[in-house]
């Protein structure tokens, strides 16, 4: 992944390269919470509601970074550049129960 080249010490991976591929949103959020993993997603319709539900129930989440609708769907290079900039500014922060935007 291109982010690894820019930030070799950053633990980042595509869900599609793991056994998490195909999980529904709620189980995925549960697993990422247990792994202290932050989700990068374009899903601004259901994920925010699931996060609110988790917090309302007293549960936590590993954090979410949303990809703005300003990025074209097929422009992964722009998303990666923005993610690298974002991680340089906020990558060392504790992302548990936080949300941010690219």
Protein backbone atom coordinates (compact mmCIF):
# COMPACT_ATOMS: atom_id res chain seq x y z
CA UNK A 1 0.00 0.00 0.00
CA UNK A 2 1.29 3.45 -0.90
CA UNK A 3 0.82 4.79 2.63
CA UNK A 4 3.37 2.27 3.90
CA UNK A 5 6.00 3.78 1.58
CA UNK A 6 5.41 7.26 2.98
CA UNK A 7 4.99 6.12 6.59
CA UNK A 8 6.75 2.78 7.14
CA UNK A 9 6.13 2.86 10.92
CA UNK A 10 2.37 3.25 10.50
CA UNK A 11 0.44 0.01 10.99
CA UNK A 12 -2.03 0.26 8.12
CA UNK A 13 -3.67 -2.43 6.04
CA UNK A 14 -6.55 -2.86 3.67
CA UNK A 15 -9.46 -4.84 5.05
CA UNK A 16 -9.39 -6.68 1.74
CA UNK A 17 -5.95 -8.08 2.69
CA UNK A 18 -7.30 -9.55 5.94
CA UNK A 19 -9.89 -12.01 7.14
CA UNK A 20 -12.17 -9.03 7.91
CA UNK A 21 -13.22 -8.64 4.27
CA UNK A 22 -16.93 -9.21 3.89
CA UNK A 23 -17.88 -8.53 7.51
CA UNK A 24 -21.01 -6.48 8.02
CA UNK A 25 -20.50 -3.02 9.53
CA UNK A 26 -21.40 -3.80 13.14
CA UNK A 27 -19.21 -6.92 13.50
CA UNK A 28 -16.41 -5.07 11.71
CA UNK A 29 -16.61 -2.18 14.18
CA UNK A 30 -16.53 -4.69 17.06
CA UNK A 31 -13.41 -6.42 15.74
CA UNK A 32 -11.63 -3.14 15.01
CA UNK A 33 -12.47 -1.94 18.51
CA UNK A 34 -10.92 -5.06 20.02
CA UNK A 35 -7.86 -4.65 17.79
CA UNK A 36 -7.72 -0.89 18.47
CA UNK A 37 -7.97 -0.34 14.72
CA UNK A 38 -9.31 2.80 13.08
CA UNK A 39 -11.59 2.46 10.07
CA UNK A 40 -11.18 4.53 6.89
CA UNK A 41 -14.52 4.58 5.08
CA UNK A 42 -16.71 6.39 2.60
CA UNK A 43 -19.84 5.12 4.39
CA UNK A 44 -21.31 8.24 5.94
CA UNK A 45 -24.83 6.82 5.94
CA UNK A 46 -24.76 3.85 8.32
CA UNK A 47 -21.41 4.00 10.16
CA UNK A 48 -22.21 7.19 12.15
CA UNK A 49 -25.46 5.63 13.41
CA UNK A 50 -23.67 2.43 14.40
CA UNK A 51 -21.05 4.45 16.30
CA UNK A 52 -23.72 6.42 18.16
CA UNK A 53 -25.46 3.16 19.05
CA UNK A 54 -22.21 1.67 20.38
CA UNK A 55 -21.53 4.72 22.53
CA UNK A 56 -25.12 4.85 23.77
CA UNK A 57 -24.74 1.21 24.89
CA UNK A 58 -21.53 2.06 26.75
CA UNK A 59 -19.29 0.39 24.18
CA UNK A 60 -16.32 1.96 22.47
CA UNK A 61 -15.00 1.96 18.92
CA UNK A 62 -11.54 2.14 17.41
CA UNK A 63 -12.22 5.40 15.62
CA UNK A 64 -13.31 6.27 12.11
CA UNK A 65 -11.86 8.49 9.41
CA UNK A 66 -14.41 9.35 6.75
CA UNK A 67 -13.47 9.97 3.12
CA UNK A 68 -15.22 13.13 1.98
CA UNK A 69 -17.59 12.99 -0.96
CA UNK A 70 -15.28 15.55 -2.57
CA UNK A 71 -13.00 12.69 -3.65
CA UNK A 72 -13.95 10.97 -6.87
CA UNK A 73 -14.82 7.31 -6.26
CA UNK A 74 -11.97 6.07 -8.45
CA UNK A 75 -9.32 8.57 -7.32
CA UNK A 76 -7.51 6.42 -4.77
CA UNK A 77 -4.27 8.40 -5.25
CA UNK A 78 -5.91 11.58 -3.97
CA UNK A 79 -7.36 9.69 -1.00
CA UNK A 80 -3.95 8.19 -0.22
CA UNK A 81 -2.22 11.59 -0.43
CA UNK A 82 -4.83 13.07 1.88
CA UNK A 83 -4.55 10.11 4.27
CA UNK A 84 -0.75 10.50 4.46
CA UNK A 85 -1.15 14.22 5.26
CA UNK A 86 -3.82 13.41 7.83
CA UNK A 87 -1.70 10.70 9.48
CA UNK A 88 1.34 12.96 9.65
CA UNK A 89 -0.77 15.46 11.59
CA UNK A 90 -2.88 13.05 13.66
CA UNK A 91 -1.39 9.56 13.35
CA UNK A 92 0.01 9.47 16.86
CA UNK A 93 -3.30 10.53 18.42
CA UNK A 94 -5.48 8.10 20.33
CA UNK A 95 -8.34 7.44 17.92
CA UNK A 96 -10.54 5.43 20.26
CA UNK A 97 -14.07 6.82 20.03
CA UNK A 98 -13.02 9.64 17.67
CA UNK A 99 -14.11 10.55 14.18
CA UNK A 100 -12.33 12.62 11.55
CA UNK A 101 -12.57 13.58 7.90
CA UNK A 102 -10.24 13.59 4.93
